C-alpha atoms as a PDB file:
ATOM      1  CA  UNK A   1      -2.459  13.043  25.279  1.00  0.00           C
ATOM      2  CA  UNK A   2      -5.993  11.828  24.593  1.00  0.00           C
ATOM      3  CA  UNK A   3      -6.925   8.467  23.130  1.00  0.00           C
ATOM      4  CA  UNK A   4      -9.697   7.557  20.714  1.00  0.00           C
ATOM      5  CA  UNK A   5     -10.541   3.966  19.709  1.00  0.00           C
ATOM      6  CA  UNK A   6      -7.103   2.813  20.857  1.00  0.00           C
ATOM      7  CA  UNK A   7      -5.222   5.430  18.824  1.00  0.00           C
ATOM      8  CA  UNK A   8      -3.098   8.166  20.368  1.00  0.00           C
ATOM      9  CA  UNK A   9      -3.644  11.628  19.009  1.00  0.00           C
ATOM     10  CA  UNK A  10      -0.429  13.559  18.242  1.00  0.00           C
ATOM     11  CA  UNK A  11       0.515  16.640  20.204  1.00  0.00           C
ATOM     12  CA  UNK A  12      -1.489  19.643  18.969  1.00  0.00           C
ATOM     13  CA  UNK A  13       0.275  21.522  16.191  1.00  0.00           C
ATOM     14  CA  UNK A  14       3.064  18.996  15.654  1.00  0.00           C
ATOM     15  CA  UNK A  15       1.459  17.318  12.628  1.00  0.00           C
ATOM     16  CA  UNK A  16       0.032  18.927   9.469  1.00  0.00           C
ATOM     17  CA  UNK A  17      -3.713  19.369   9.235  1.00  0.00           C
ATOM     18  CA  UNK A  18      -5.553  17.377   6.587  1.00  0.00           C
ATOM     19  CA  UNK A  19      -6.818  20.661   5.193  1.00  0.00           C
ATOM     20  CA  UNK A  20      -4.052  23.247   4.822  1.00  0.00           C
ATOM     21  CA  UNK A  21      -5.452  26.092   2.665  1.00  0.00           C
ATOM     22  CA  UNK A  22      -2.015  27.254   1.560  1.00  0.00           C
ATOM     23  CA  UNK A  23      -1.354  23.826   0.042  1.00  0.00           C
ATOM     24  CA  UNK A  24      -3.843  23.774  -2.827  1.00  0.00           C
ATOM     25  CA  UNK A  25      -3.981  19.997  -3.335  1.00  0.00           C
ATOM     26  CA  UNK A  26      -5.089  19.428   0.264  1.00  0.00           C
ATOM     27  CA  UNK A  27      -8.455  20.989  -0.600  1.00  0.00           C
ATOM     28  CA  UNK A  28      -9.196  17.970  -2.789  1.00  0.00           C
ATOM     29  CA  UNK A  29      -7.451  15.365  -0.618  1.00  0.00           C
ATOM     30  CA  UNK A  30      -8.738  16.303   2.818  1.00  0.00           C
ATOM     31  CA  UNK A  31     -11.791  14.462   4.206  1.00  0.00           C
ATOM     32  CA  UNK A  32     -15.048  16.394   4.432  1.00  0.00           C
ATOM     33  CA  UNK A  33     -16.485  14.226   7.226  1.00  0.00           C
ATOM     34  CA  UNK A  34     -15.116  13.131  10.615  1.00  0.00           C
ATOM     35  CA  UNK A  35     -12.666  10.256  10.362  1.00  0.00           C
ATOM     36  CA  UNK A  36     -13.700   6.783  11.491  1.00  0.00           C
ATOM     37  CA  UNK A  37     -10.742   5.207  13.314  1.00  0.00           C
ATOM     38  CA  UNK A  38     -10.516   1.431  12.955  1.00  0.00           C
ATOM     39  CA  UNK A  39      -8.183  -0.793  14.931  1.00  0.00           C
ATOM     40  CA  UNK A  40      -5.883  -2.865  12.732  1.00  0.00           C
ATOM     41  CA  UNK A  41      -6.539  -6.603  12.797  1.00  0.00           C
ATOM     42  CA  UNK A  42      -3.933  -9.332  12.549  1.00  0.00           C
ATOM     43  CA  UNK A  43      -4.024  -9.435   8.755  1.00  0.00           C
ATOM     44  CA  UNK A  44      -3.140  -5.725   8.645  1.00  0.00           C
ATOM     45  CA  UNK A  45      -0.361  -5.774  11.217  1.00  0.00           C
ATOM     46  CA  UNK A  46       1.533  -8.893  10.126  1.00  0.00           C
ATOM     47  CA  UNK A  47       3.441  -9.743   6.924  1.00  0.00           C
ATOM     48  CA  UNK A  48       4.615  -9.632   4.314  1.00  0.00           C
ATOM     49  CA  UNK A  49       8.008  -9.352   5.997  1.00  0.00           C
ATOM     50  CA  UNK A  50      10.728  -7.201   4.477  1.00  0.00           C
ATOM     51  CA  UNK A  51      14.081  -8.981   4.427  1.00  0.00           C
ATOM     52  CA  UNK A  52      17.590  -8.345   3.155  1.00  0.00           C
ATOM     53  CA  UNK A  53      16.882 -10.715   0.267  1.00  0.00           C
ATOM     54  CA  UNK A  54      14.562  -8.064  -1.213  1.00  0.00           C
ATOM     55  CA  UNK A  55      17.351  -5.485  -1.476  1.00  0.00           C
ATOM     56  CA  UNK A  56      19.769  -5.111  -4.375  1.00  0.00           C
ATOM     57  CA  UNK A  57      23.471  -4.250  -3.967  1.00  0.00           C
ATOM     58  CA  UNK A  58      22.980  -0.647  -5.099  1.00  0.00           C
ATOM     59  CA  UNK A  59      19.554   0.069  -3.581  1.00  0.00           C
ATOM     60  CA  UNK A  60      21.070   2.362  -0.939  1.00  0.00           C
ATOM     61  CA  UNK A  61      23.521   4.020  -3.350  1.00  0.00           C
ATOM     62  CA  UNK A  62      21.566   6.124  -5.828  1.00  0.00           C
ATOM     63  CA  UNK A  63      24.810   7.221  -7.484  1.00  0.00           C
ATOM     64  CA  UNK A  64      25.757   3.672  -8.467  1.00  0.00           C
ATOM     65  CA  UNK A  65      22.580   2.361 -10.069  1.00  0.00           C
ATOM     66  CA  UNK A  66      23.579   3.130 -13.674  1.00  0.00           C
ATOM     67  CA  UNK A  67      26.597   2.896 -15.954  1.00  0.00           C
ATOM     68  CA  UNK A  68      27.699   6.493 -15.365  1.00  0.00           C
ATOM     69  CA  UNK A  69      27.855   9.005 -12.521  1.00  0.00           C
ATOM     70  CA  UNK A  70      24.809  11.244 -11.997  1.00  0.00           C
ATOM     71  CA  UNK A  71      25.197  15.005 -12.240  1.00  0.00           C
ATOM     72  CA  UNK A  72      25.164  17.091  -9.082  1.00  0.00           C
ATOM     73  CA  UNK A  73      26.722  17.319  -5.651  1.00  0.00           C
ATOM     74  CA  UNK A  74      27.080  13.911  -4.020  1.00  0.00           C
ATOM     75  CA  UNK A  75      25.721  13.692  -0.450  1.00  0.00           C
ATOM     76  CA  UNK A  76      25.334  11.080   2.271  1.00  0.00           C
ATOM     77  CA  UNK A  77      22.083  10.989   4.238  1.00  0.00           C
ATOM     78  CA  UNK A  78      22.015   8.878   7.388  1.00  0.00           C
ATOM     79  CA  UNK A  79      20.014   8.670  10.574  1.00  0.00           C
ATOM     80  CA  UNK A  80      18.024   6.418  12.860  1.00  0.00           C
ATOM     81  CA  UNK A  81      14.391   5.339  13.008  1.00  0.00           C
ATOM     82  CA  UNK A  82      13.258   5.565  16.652  1.00  0.00           C
ATOM     83  CA  UNK A  83      10.112   5.076  18.700  1.00  0.00           C
ATOM     84  CA  UNK A  84       8.765   7.559  21.281  1.00  0.00           C
ATOM     85  CA  UNK A  85      11.215   6.293  23.909  1.00  0.00           C
ATOM     86  CA  UNK A  86      14.264   6.730  21.640  1.00  0.00           C
ATOM     87  CA  UNK A  87      14.514   2.974  21.144  1.00  0.00           C
ATOM     88  CA  UNK A  88      15.728   1.792  17.717  1.00  0.00           C
ATOM     89  CA  UNK A  89      13.234   0.365  15.254  1.00  0.00           C
ATOM     90  CA  UNK A  90      15.131  -2.595  13.795  1.00  0.00           C
ATOM     91  CA  UNK A  91      14.440  -4.069  10.358  1.00  0.00           C
ATOM     92  CA  UNK A  92      12.174  -1.278   9.118  1.00  0.00           C
ATOM     93  CA  UNK A  93      12.135  -0.732   5.364  1.00  0.00           C
ATOM     94  CA  UNK A  94      13.149   2.865   4.627  1.00  0.00           C
ATOM     95  CA  UNK A  95      12.554   4.115   1.089  1.00  0.00           C
ATOM     96  CA  UNK A  96      13.366   7.485  -0.460  1.00  0.00           C
ATOM     97  CA  UNK A  97      12.584   9.214  -3.719  1.00  0.00           C
ATOM     98  CA  UNK A  98      13.670  12.610  -5.004  1.00  0.00           C
ATOM     99  CA  UNK A  99      14.218  14.912  -7.954  1.00  0.00           C
ATOM    100  CA  UNK A 100      17.562  15.037  -9.742  1.00  0.00           C
ATOM    101  CA  UNK A 101      20.050  17.896  -9.383  1.00  0.00           C
ATOM    102  CA  UNK A 102      18.098  19.935 -11.941  1.00  0.00           C
ATOM    103  CA  UNK A 103      14.865  19.584  -9.977  1.00  0.00           C
ATOM    104  CA  UNK A 104      13.145  16.976 -12.146  1.00  0.00           C
ATOM    105  CA  UNK A 105      11.719  13.586 -11.229  1.00  0.00           C
ATOM    106  CA  UNK A 106      12.193  10.529 -13.434  1.00  0.00           C
ATOM    107  CA  UNK A 107       8.426  10.244 -13.656  1.00  0.00           C
ATOM    108  CA  UNK A 108       6.076  10.452 -16.634  1.00  0.00           C
ATOM    109  CA  UNK A 109       3.913  12.971 -14.795  1.00  0.00           C
ATOM    110  CA  UNK A 110       6.705  15.516 -14.306  1.00  0.00           C
ATOM    111  CA  UNK A 111       6.409  18.206 -16.998  1.00  0.00           C
ATOM    112  CA  UNK A 112       9.189  20.450 -15.638  1.00  0.00           C
ATOM    113  CA  UNK A 113      11.409  21.623 -18.519  1.00  0.00           C
ATOM    114  CA  UNK A 114      14.612  20.772 -16.629  1.00  0.00           C
ATOM    115  CA  UNK A 115      16.666  17.915 -18.146  1.00  0.00           C
ATOM    116  CA  UNK A 116      16.432  14.304 -17.074  1.00  0.00           C
ATOM    117  CA  UNK A 117      19.622  12.583 -15.929  1.00  0.00           C
ATOM    118  CA  UNK A 118      20.085   9.161 -17.605  1.00  0.00           C
ATOM    119  CA  UNK A 119      22.291   8.094 -14.688  1.00  0.00           C
ATOM    120  CA  UNK A 120      19.864   9.000 -11.920  1.00  0.00           C
ATOM    121  CA  UNK A 121      16.512   7.343 -11.224  1.00  0.00           C
ATOM    122  CA  UNK A 122      16.008   8.947  -7.816  1.00  0.00           C
ATOM    123  CA  UNK A 123      14.767   5.965  -5.779  1.00  0.00           C
ATOM    124  CA  UNK A 124      16.420   3.897  -3.050  1.00  0.00           C
ATOM    125  CA  UNK A 125      15.673   1.644  -0.104  1.00  0.00           C
ATOM    126  CA  UNK A 126      17.405   0.037   2.857  1.00  0.00           C
ATOM    127  CA  UNK A 127      16.575  -1.905   6.029  1.00  0.00           C
ATOM    128  CA  UNK A 128      17.419  -0.345   9.385  1.00  0.00           C
ATOM    129  CA  UNK A 129      20.200  -2.077  11.321  1.00  0.00           C
ATOM    130  CA  UNK A 130      20.363  -3.135  14.984  1.00  0.00           C
ATOM    131  CA  UNK A 131      20.682   0.529  16.016  1.00  0.00           C
ATOM    132  CA  UNK A 132      17.727   1.548  13.864  1.00  0.00           C
ATOM    133  CA  UNK A 133      20.216   3.164  11.498  1.00  0.00           C
ATOM    134  CA  UNK A 134      20.050   3.730   7.762  1.00  0.00           C
ATOM    135  CA  UNK A 135      22.356   5.369   5.211  1.00  0.00           C
ATOM    136  CA  UNK A 136      21.951   6.495   1.615  1.00  0.00           C
ATOM    137  CA  UNK A 137      24.411   7.840  -0.939  1.00  0.00           C
ATOM    138  CA  UNK A 138      22.691  10.201  -3.357  1.00  0.00           C
ATOM    139  CA  UNK A 139      22.923  13.671  -4.908  1.00  0.00           C
ATOM    140  CA  UNK A 140      21.471  16.903  -3.616  1.00  0.00           C
ATOM    141  CA  UNK A 141      18.107  17.456  -5.334  1.00  0.00           C
ATOM    142  CA  UNK A 142      17.341  20.721  -7.085  1.00  0.00           C
ATOM    143  CA  UNK A 143      14.493  23.117  -6.396  1.00  0.00           C
ATOM    144  CA  UNK A 144      11.656  23.139  -8.907  1.00  0.00           C
ATOM    145  CA  UNK A 145       8.566  25.193  -9.812  1.00  0.00           C
ATOM    146  CA  UNK A 146       5.099  23.902  -9.077  1.00  0.00           C
ATOM    147  CA  UNK A 147       1.648  25.290  -9.755  1.00  0.00           C
ATOM    148  CA  UNK A 148       0.360  25.743  -6.236  1.00  0.00           C
ATOM    149  CA  UNK A 149       0.435  29.566  -6.388  1.00  0.00           C
ATOM    150  CA  UNK A 150       2.074  32.415  -8.289  1.00  0.00           C
ATOM    151  CA  UNK A 151       5.845  31.991  -8.732  1.00  0.00           C
ATOM    152  CA  UNK A 152       5.778  28.872  -6.555  1.00  0.00           C
ATOM    153  CA  UNK A 153       9.019  26.954  -6.002  1.00  0.00           C
ATOM    154  CA  UNK A 154       9.519  23.882  -3.844  1.00  0.00           C
ATOM    155  CA  UNK A 155      12.626  23.832  -1.650  1.00  0.00           C
ATOM    156  CA  UNK A 156      15.163  21.067  -2.183  1.00  0.00           C
ATOM    157  CA  UNK A 157      13.792  18.017  -0.376  1.00  0.00           C
ATOM    158  CA  UNK A 158      13.863  14.234  -0.185  1.00  0.00           C
ATOM    159  CA  UNK A 159      10.780  12.084   0.385  1.00  0.00           C
ATOM    160  CA  UNK A 160      11.029   9.296   2.963  1.00  0.00           C
ATOM    161  CA  UNK A 161       8.758   6.309   3.504  1.00  0.00           C
ATOM    162  CA  UNK A 162       9.035   3.971   6.509  1.00  0.00           C
ATOM    163  CA  UNK A 163       7.260   0.616   6.541  1.00  0.00           C
ATOM    164  CA  UNK A 164       6.470  -1.271   9.724  1.00  0.00           C
ATOM    165  CA  UNK A 165       5.630  -4.997   9.768  1.00  0.00           C
ATOM    166  CA  UNK A 166       3.079  -4.680   6.954  1.00  0.00           C
ATOM    167  CA  UNK A 167       1.937  -2.464   4.085  1.00  0.00           C
ATOM    168  CA  UNK A 168      -0.792  -0.980   6.295  1.00  0.00           C
ATOM    169  CA  UNK A 169       1.867   0.439   8.620  1.00  0.00           C
ATOM    170  CA  UNK A 170       3.494   2.988   6.339  1.00  0.00           C
ATOM    171  CA  UNK A 171       4.537   6.538   7.237  1.00  0.00           C
ATOM    172  CA  UNK A 172       5.679   9.217   4.793  1.00  0.00           C
ATOM    173  CA  UNK A 173       7.587  12.436   5.434  1.00  0.00           C
ATOM    174  CA  UNK A 174       9.955  14.907   3.759  1.00  0.00           C
ATOM    175  CA  UNK A 175      13.481  16.000   4.617  1.00  0.00           C
ATOM    176  CA  UNK A 176      14.699  19.541   3.915  1.00  0.00           C
ATOM    177  CA  UNK A 177      18.156  21.117   3.912  1.00  0.00           C
ATOM    178  CA  UNK A 178      19.435  23.682   6.420  1.00  0.00           C
ATOM    179  CA  UNK A 179      19.548  27.307   5.334  1.00  0.00           C
ATOM    180  CA  UNK A 180      17.229  26.908   2.337  1.00  0.00           C
ATOM    181  CA  UNK A 181      15.803  30.386   1.556  1.00  0.00           C
ATOM    182  CA  UNK A 182      12.600  28.853   0.141  1.00  0.00           C
ATOM    183  CA  UNK A 183      11.482  27.274   3.421  1.00  0.00           C
ATOM    184  CA  UNK A 184       9.632  30.357   4.775  1.00  0.00           C
ATOM    185  CA  UNK A 185       7.541  30.436   1.579  1.00  0.00           C
ATOM    186  CA  UNK A 186       6.760  26.730   1.206  1.00  0.00           C
ATOM    187  CA  UNK A 187       3.151  25.849   2.175  1.00  0.00           C
ATOM    188  CA  UNK A 188       3.897  22.129   2.602  1.00  0.00           C
ATOM    189  CA  UNK A 189       6.709  22.787   5.081  1.00  0.00           C
ATOM    190  CA  UNK A 190       4.663  25.476   6.848  1.00  0.00           C
ATOM    191  CA  UNK A 191       1.460  23.443   7.162  1.00  0.00           C
ATOM    192  CA  UNK A 192       3.006  22.105  10.386  1.00  0.00           C
ATOM    193  CA  UNK A 193       1.911  24.797  12.889  1.00  0.00           C
ATOM    194  CA  UNK A 194       4.496  24.142  15.602  1.00  0.00           C
ATOM    195  CA  UNK A 195       7.880  25.757  14.898  1.00  0.00           C
ATOM    196  CA  UNK A 196       9.883  23.132  16.790  1.00  0.00           C
ATOM    197  CA  UNK A 197       8.098  20.341  14.932  1.00  0.00           C
ATOM    198  CA  UNK A 198       8.870  22.013  11.586  1.00  0.00           C
ATOM    199  CA  UNK A 199      12.526  22.173  12.570  1.00  0.00           C
ATOM    200  CA  UNK A 200      12.543  18.380  12.886  1.00  0.00           C
ATOM    201  CA  UNK A 201      11.965  18.195   9.124  1.00  0.00           C
ATOM    202  CA  UNK A 202      15.279  19.966   8.450  1.00  0.00           C
ATOM    203  CA  UNK A 203      18.360  17.738   8.284  1.00  0.00           C
ATOM    204  CA  UNK A 204      21.520  18.614  10.183  1.00  0.00           C
ATOM    205  CA  UNK A 205      24.904  18.908   8.520  1.00  0.00           C
ATOM    206  CA  UNK A 206      27.009  16.009   9.809  1.00  0.00           C
ATOM    207  CA  UNK A 207      30.816  16.222   9.870  1.00  0.00           C
ATOM    208  CA  UNK A 208      31.142  12.590  10.986  1.00  0.00           C
ATOM    209  CA  UNK A 209      29.195  11.367   7.965  1.00  0.00           C
ATOM    210  CA  UNK A 210      30.988  13.664   5.504  1.00  0.00           C
ATOM    211  CA  UNK A 211      33.622  12.010   3.277  1.00  0.00           C
ATOM    212  CA  UNK A 212      36.646  14.260   2.635  1.00  0.00           C
ATOM    213  CA  UNK A 213      36.775  15.401  -0.970  1.00  0.00           C
ATOM    214  CA  UNK A 214      33.815  13.281  -1.991  1.00  0.00           C
ATOM    215  CA  UNK A 215      30.459  13.847  -0.285  1.00  0.00           C
ATOM    216  CA  UNK A 216      28.870  16.111   2.327  1.00  0.00           C
ATOM    217  CA  UNK A 217      26.923  14.370   5.068  1.00  0.00           C
ATOM    218  CA  UNK A 218      23.491  15.099   6.529  1.00  0.00           C
ATOM    219  CA  UNK A 219      21.724  13.514   9.486  1.00  0.00           C
ATOM    220  CA  UNK A 220      17.966  12.987   9.554  1.00  0.00           C
ATOM    221  CA  UNK A 221      16.430  10.955  12.377  1.00  0.00           C
ATOM    222  CA  UNK A 222      12.836   9.771  12.023  1.00  0.00           C
ATOM    223  CA  UNK A 223      10.884   9.536  15.287  1.00  0.00           C
ATOM    224  CA  UNK A 224       7.618   7.670  14.811  1.00  0.00           C
ATOM    225  CA  UNK A 225       5.574   8.754  17.837  1.00  0.00           C
ATOM    226  CA  UNK A 226       5.536  10.909  20.949  1.00  0.00           C
ATOM    227  CA  UNK A 227       6.395  14.511  21.758  1.00  0.00           C
ATOM    228  CA  UNK A 228       9.414  14.516  19.441  1.00  0.00           C
ATOM    229  CA  UNK A 229       7.686  12.783  16.529  1.00  0.00           C
ATOM    230  CA  UNK A 230       8.708  13.711  13.013  1.00  0.00           C
ATOM    231  CA  UNK A 231       5.832  15.450  11.188  1.00  0.00           C
ATOM    232  CA  UNK A 232       4.241  13.068   8.707  1.00  0.00           C
ATOM    233  CA  UNK A 233       2.214  13.576   5.562  1.00  0.00           C
ATOM    234  CA  UNK A 234      -1.486  12.782   6.163  1.00  0.00           C
ATOM    235  CA  UNK A 235      -2.207  12.462   2.440  1.00  0.00           C
ATOM    236  CA  UNK A 236      -0.825   9.651   0.314  1.00  0.00           C
ATOM    237  CA  UNK A 237       1.979   9.758  -2.210  1.00  0.00           C
ATOM    238  CA  UNK A 238       2.608  12.449  -4.763  1.00  0.00           C
ATOM    239  CA  UNK A 239       5.770  14.073  -6.088  1.00  0.00           C
ATOM    240  CA  UNK A 240       5.341  17.400  -4.320  1.00  0.00           C
END
């Protein structure tokens, strides 16, 4: 693995390219000139610290943030945040956001005609424990149309964000569900060239996490670096 200006380059094909022609928005987001890699200084790699005092009692339970129950199938999503040597990353702030069961985000910019759910905002956060573990209770998001190409539909997915010791150390990825028939046609999922790397974006059904009669469980580990790294989004934000 080569190094440039102190930064390790990921294994070829395991991360999405900045410019992925099938993903229309990347044509506007991708840089047109070679990147200039700058080492982070102390002010960018320290503070503000994320502590348990920043979390509310229902931040990790997206089904309990309102007066009523949200519509849709309740699920549990758990996993671990690990480094390249499979060591736990303790105290990392893990955030997620997602569409509701009808495939609509609680966001002013979402013009999808599907209904909003007054009992589901679609955002949560939690700090990883001593094993690097996290756990969310939520509902399975719905698929939704988008305007990337003709008859374009996004597979059901959940966005994840992992913060390190500071705001400058943020990584973003997406989790998909096993067996989704839309995956072979999704340009965001398929902008990761390596098949094994793409598979790391698909959660695994988890019997141990499943609650009898209440919620199905899924496991999604996030590996930050190395040969088994989870593919990450090179472009910032967005609801896609």
